[in-house]
């Protein structure tokens, strides 16, 4: 679906829905800008275009939505909407880190409950440890359109069509590979940097555009919620340490084989 718009009496475009939403967020366009896409009979404000109407309503309060529905039924007045707010870059990053902390704690808790023996693949530092995260994330997005971390930051996902589990899984896998660098220590900073540049420039990540699933800030982030993240992360770290405690001898042996100096340093810290 490509959208055109009028700027200084000249037709501009075409652009995809994510690109138009990004331009609105950056102030390059407004919801009152006249637009058109295939299937429309005439030029009309972007907020009234079928491809964008749902996104224009997302940030409206429940009272405004009810009033708008009543007005539309009576055939009186115009639909009152406010602009869609895309989440801030730091809010998206914080939501992702929070989801990773929750997943790591849950995964290690399950492994600890079943009493599985030590294996390097079961450590958070190994990429295979995180393979289950895209699947779990896709399930949550399919059902609730959000995850615990996103909900904490007031973010939910808006879909341009009926996005099923496979669409959400594709998005999660794309984030895992191109956003998180498969959790490889050397690749992660590079992917974070390029993702930061892309979101900073367009307001949307590449996976948002490819999968046509847009993050929307449905509620402001309260300072108190941000401050609560510090004790929350400390709690997750304590739980992860507790769950891995039975593996400590095997972990030290593995470290002794791979890096004797680091193992000796850790043993010195533990004995002091």
Protein backbone atom coordinates (compact mmCIF):
# COMPACT_ATOMS: atom_id res chain seq x y z
CA UNK A 1 0.00 0.00 0.00
CA UNK A 2 1.56 3.28 -1.18
CA UNK A 3 0.37 6.68 -0.03
CA UNK A 4 0.60 10.05 -1.79
CA UNK A 5 0.14 13.47 -0.23
CA UNK A 6 -0.11 17.10 -1.29
CA UNK A 7 2.60 19.54 -0.27
CA UNK A 8 2.52 23.10 -1.61
CA UNK A 9 -0.13 22.01 -4.12
CA UNK A 10 2.21 19.34 -5.48
CA UNK A 11 1.80 15.60 -5.25
CA UNK A 12 4.50 13.85 -3.23
CA UNK A 13 5.23 10.19 -2.73
CA UNK A 14 4.77 7.33 -2.98
CA UNK A 15 5.58 6.22 0.57
CA UNK A 16 4.68 3.23 2.70
CA UNK A 17 2.50 3.49 5.80
CA UNK A 18 5.49 3.26 8.19
CA UNK A 19 7.26 6.02 6.28
CA UNK A 20 4.21 8.28 6.52
CA UNK A 21 3.87 7.60 10.25
CA UNK A 22 7.55 8.40 10.64
CA UNK A 23 7.11 11.70 8.77
CA UNK A 24 4.18 12.59 11.01
CA UNK A 25 6.26 11.87 14.10
CA UNK A 26 9.11 14.03 12.81
CA UNK A 27 6.72 16.90 12.02
CA UNK A 28 7.24 16.73 8.27
CA UNK A 29 3.53 15.93 7.79
CA UNK A 30 0.40 16.39 9.88
CA UNK A 31 -2.81 14.40 10.12
CA UNK A 32 -4.56 17.23 8.28
CA UNK A 33 -2.31 16.92 5.23
CA UNK A 34 -4.33 15.81 2.23
CA UNK A 35 -3.47 12.30 1.10
CA UNK A 36 -4.61 9.52 -1.18
CA UNK A 37 -3.98 5.83 -1.77
CA UNK A 38 -5.45 3.18 -4.01
CA UNK A 39 -9.14 2.67 -3.33
CA UNK A 40 -9.85 6.25 -2.22
CA UNK A 41 -12.28 8.27 -4.27
CA UNK A 42 -10.75 11.65 -3.49
CA UNK A 43 -8.01 13.42 -1.61
CA UNK A 44 -8.71 13.66 2.12
CA UNK A 45 -6.82 14.27 5.40
CA UNK A 46 -4.35 11.54 6.26
CA UNK A 47 -6.28 10.77 9.44
CA UNK A 48 -9.26 9.72 7.35
CA UNK A 49 -7.42 7.46 4.92
CA UNK A 50 -8.43 3.82 5.50
CA UNK A 51 -4.77 2.75 5.70
CA UNK A 52 -4.02 5.29 8.45
CA UNK A 53 -7.32 5.75 10.29
CA UNK A 54 -6.62 3.01 12.85
CA UNK A 55 -3.26 4.53 13.72
CA UNK A 56 -4.81 7.97 14.12
CA UNK A 57 -7.28 6.56 16.65
CA UNK A 58 -4.70 4.72 18.75
CA UNK A 59 -3.75 7.73 20.83
CA UNK A 60 -7.31 8.92 21.43
CA UNK A 61 -8.67 8.60 24.96
CA UNK A 62 -11.61 6.22 25.61
CA UNK A 63 -13.95 9.20 26.11
CA UNK A 64 -12.91 10.70 22.79
CA UNK A 65 -13.32 7.35 21.06
CA UNK A 66 -16.84 6.89 22.43
CA UNK A 67 -17.81 10.41 21.45
CA UNK A 68 -16.37 9.89 17.97
CA UNK A 69 -18.32 6.67 17.53
CA UNK A 70 -21.55 8.38 18.59
CA UNK A 71 -20.92 11.25 16.21
CA UNK A 72 -20.22 8.88 13.35
CA UNK A 73 -23.45 7.02 14.04
CA UNK A 74 -25.47 10.23 14.08
CA UNK A 75 -23.68 11.50 11.02
CA UNK A 76 -22.71 14.73 12.77
CA UNK A 77 -19.30 16.29 13.38
CA UNK A 78 -15.84 15.10 12.43
CA UNK A 79 -13.80 12.35 13.98
CA UNK A 80 -11.70 13.88 16.74
CA UNK A 81 -8.27 12.29 16.89
CA UNK A 82 -4.80 13.11 18.08
CA UNK A 83 -1.58 12.17 16.40
CA UNK A 84 -0.02 8.75 16.89
CA UNK A 85 2.97 8.86 19.23
CA UNK A 86 5.80 6.54 18.37
CA UNK A 87 7.79 5.51 21.47
CA UNK A 88 11.07 7.21 22.26
CA UNK A 89 14.25 5.39 21.31
CA UNK A 90 15.33 5.00 24.94
CA UNK A 91 11.92 3.58 25.86
CA UNK A 92 12.25 0.92 23.15
CA UNK A 93 15.77 0.02 24.26
CA UNK A 94 14.74 -0.17 27.92
CA UNK A 95 11.78 -2.38 27.03
CA UNK A 96 14.07 -4.74 25.11
CA UNK A 97 16.59 -4.98 27.97
CA UNK A 98 13.75 -5.59 30.43
CA UNK A 99 12.35 -8.40 28.28
CA UNK A 100 15.83 -9.97 28.07
CA UNK A 101 16.21 -9.84 31.86
CA UNK A 102 12.80 -11.44 32.35
CA UNK A 103 13.49 -14.16 29.77
CA UNK A 104 16.90 -14.99 31.26
CA UNK A 105 15.41 -15.27 34.75
CA UNK A 106 12.52 -17.45 33.59
CA UNK A 107 14.73 -19.69 31.43
CA UNK A 108 17.27 -20.28 34.20
CA UNK A 109 14.43 -20.82 36.67
CA UNK A 110 12.94 -23.56 34.47
CA UNK A 111 16.36 -25.19 34.00
CA UNK A 112 16.95 -25.05 37.77
CA UNK A 113 13.51 -26.53 38.50
CA UNK A 114 14.19 -29.50 36.23
CA UNK A 115 17.68 -29.96 37.65
CA UNK A 116 19.41 -30.03 34.28
CA UNK A 117 23.17 -30.59 34.37
CA UNK A 118 25.58 -27.85 33.40
CA UNK A 119 26.17 -27.16 29.73
CA UNK A 120 27.69 -24.03 28.11
CA UNK A 121 24.58 -23.70 25.91
CA UNK A 122 22.52 -23.05 29.05
CA UNK A 123 24.49 -19.96 30.02
CA UNK A 124 23.18 -16.47 29.10
CA UNK A 125 26.49 -15.74 27.42
CA UNK A 126 25.81 -18.34 24.72
CA UNK A 127 23.61 -17.40 21.70
CA UNK A 128 21.68 -20.69 21.87
CA UNK A 129 20.42 -19.74 25.32
CA UNK A 130 18.31 -17.01 23.69
CA UNK A 131 16.79 -19.09 20.90
CA UNK A 132 13.52 -19.48 22.77
CA UNK A 133 13.07 -15.74 23.30
CA UNK A 134 11.80 -14.91 19.76
CA UNK A 135 9.22 -17.70 20.02
CA UNK A 136 7.98 -16.57 23.42
CA UNK A 137 7.94 -12.94 22.33
CA UNK A 138 5.98 -13.79 19.18
CA UNK A 139 3.36 -15.62 21.25
CA UNK A 140 2.92 -12.64 23.58
CA UNK A 141 2.70 -10.18 20.69
CA UNK A 142 0.18 -12.37 18.91
CA UNK A 143 -2.07 -12.60 21.98
CA UNK A 144 -1.65 -9.26 23.76
CA UNK A 145 0.24 -7.11 21.22
CA UNK A 146 2.80 -6.32 23.92
CA UNK A 147 5.41 -7.90 26.19
CA UNK A 148 6.20 -7.26 29.89
CA UNK A 149 9.02 -4.88 29.01
CA UNK A 150 6.97 -3.02 26.41
CA UNK A 151 4.00 -2.81 28.74
CA UNK A 152 6.26 -1.37 31.43
CA UNK A 153 7.36 1.33 28.99
CA UNK A 154 3.82 1.97 27.74
CA UNK A 155 4.35 0.40 24.30
CA UNK A 156 2.10 -1.84 22.29
CA UNK A 157 2.27 -3.07 18.72
CA UNK A 158 -0.19 -1.90 16.07
CA UNK A 159 -0.59 -4.08 12.98
CA UNK A 160 -1.55 -2.85 9.53
CA UNK A 161 -3.35 -6.09 8.83
CA UNK A 162 -4.19 -9.29 10.66
CA UNK A 163 -0.73 -10.19 11.84
CA UNK A 164 -0.62 -13.81 12.93
CA UNK A 165 1.95 -15.77 14.86
CA UNK A 166 4.26 -16.22 11.86
CA UNK A 167 4.35 -12.47 11.23
CA UNK A 168 5.21 -11.80 14.85
CA UNK A 169 7.78 -14.60 14.84
CA UNK A 170 9.39 -13.14 11.74
CA UNK A 171 9.62 -9.76 13.43
CA UNK A 172 11.09 -11.27 16.61
CA UNK A 173 13.67 -13.22 14.62
CA UNK A 174 14.60 -10.12 12.65
CA UNK A 175 15.11 -8.21 15.92
CA UNK A 176 17.15 -11.09 17.35
CA UNK A 177 19.50 -11.19 14.35
CA UNK A 178 19.71 -7.59 13.14
CA UNK A 179 18.82 -5.77 16.34
CA UNK A 180 20.55 -7.89 18.97
CA UNK A 181 23.29 -9.43 16.84
CA UNK A 182 22.29 -12.97 17.88
CA UNK A 183 23.53 -11.97 21.37
CA UNK A 184 27.12 -12.33 20.19
CA UNK A 185 29.33 -10.00 22.27
CA UNK A 186 31.28 -8.69 19.27
CA UNK A 187 28.24 -8.28 17.01
CA UNK A 188 25.77 -6.79 19.49
CA UNK A 189 27.29 -3.26 19.71
CA UNK A 190 27.51 -3.02 15.93
CA UNK A 191 23.86 -3.98 15.44
CA UNK A 192 22.77 -1.67 18.24
CA UNK A 193 24.62 1.21 16.61
CA UNK A 194 23.07 0.74 13.16
CA UNK A 195 19.63 0.18 14.67
CA UNK A 196 20.03 3.39 16.65
CA UNK A 197 20.91 5.35 13.51
CA UNK A 198 17.96 3.90 11.61
CA UNK A 199 15.40 4.62 14.33
CA UNK A 200 16.88 8.06 15.00
CA UNK A 201 16.61 8.97 11.31
CA UNK A 202 13.20 7.50 10.47
CA UNK A 203 11.49 7.01 13.81
CA UNK A 204 10.98 3.34 12.98
CA UNK A 205 13.25 0.31 12.89
CA UNK A 206 13.81 -1.72 9.76
CA UNK A 207 11.87 -4.67 11.16
CA UNK A 208 8.88 -2.39 11.83
CA UNK A 209 8.71 -1.53 8.16
CA UNK A 210 9.36 -5.01 6.79
CA UNK A 211 6.82 -6.73 9.04
CA UNK A 212 4.32 -3.84 9.00
CA UNK A 213 4.03 -3.94 12.79
CA UNK A 214 4.41 -0.49 14.35
CA UNK A 215 5.21 0.27 18.02
CA UNK A 216 2.89 2.87 19.52
CA UNK A 217 3.26 4.71 22.83
CA UNK A 218 -0.18 4.29 24.38
CA UNK A 219 0.69 5.80 27.78
CA UNK A 220 3.42 8.12 29.08
CA UNK A 221 6.30 6.63 31.02
CA UNK A 222 6.17 7.69 34.64
CA UNK A 223 9.45 8.50 36.42
CA UNK A 224 8.53 6.12 39.22
CA UNK A 225 8.30 3.23 36.79
CA UNK A 226 11.78 4.03 35.47
CA UNK A 227 13.30 4.14 38.97
CA UNK A 228 11.73 0.77 39.76
CA UNK A 229 13.78 -0.77 36.96
CA UNK A 230 16.97 -0.57 39.05
CA UNK A 231 15.79 -2.85 41.89
CA UNK A 232 14.04 -5.01 39.30
CA UNK A 233 17.27 -5.65 37.39
CA UNK A 234 19.12 -6.30 40.65
CA UNK A 235 16.47 -8.85 41.61
CA UNK A 236 16.79 -10.59 38.24
CA UNK A 237 20.58 -10.75 38.65
CA UNK A 238 20.23 -12.23 42.13
CA UNK A 239 17.77 -14.86 40.92
CA UNK A 240 19.96 -15.79 37.95
CA UNK A 241 22.96 -16.16 40.25
CA UNK A 242 20.95 -18.37 42.57
CA UNK A 243 19.71 -20.58 39.73
CA UNK A 244 23.28 -21.03 38.40
CA UNK A 245 24.82 -21.69 41.81
CA UNK A 246 24.76 -25.52 41.44
CA UNK A 247 26.77 -25.13 38.23
CA UNK A 248 29.54 -23.11 39.88
CA UNK A 249 32.14 -25.95 40.08
CA UNK A 250 31.57 -26.91 36.44
CA UNK A 251 31.67 -23.26 35.36
CA UNK A 252 34.96 -22.72 37.19
CA UNK A 253 36.43 -25.82 35.57
CA UNK A 254 35.37 -24.62 32.13
CA UNK A 255 36.83 -21.19 32.79
CA UNK A 256 40.04 -22.79 34.06
CA UNK A 257 40.39 -24.57 30.73
CA UNK A 258 39.62 -21.54 28.60
CA UNK A 259 41.15 -18.70 30.63
CA UNK A 260 43.22 -19.80 33.66
CA UNK A 261 44.11 -16.24 34.67
CA UNK A 262 40.47 -15.15 34.81
CA UNK A 263 39.53 -18.26 36.77
CA UNK A 264 42.32 -17.61 39.27
CA UNK A 265 41.20 -13.99 39.68
CA UNK A 266 37.57 -15.03 40.33
CA UNK A 267 38.66 -17.64 42.86
CA UNK A 268 40.70 -14.99 44.63
CA UNK A 269 37.67 -12.68 44.79
CA UNK A 270 35.47 -15.48 46.13
CA UNK A 271 37.94 -16.42 48.83
CA UNK A 272 38.44 -12.86 50.04
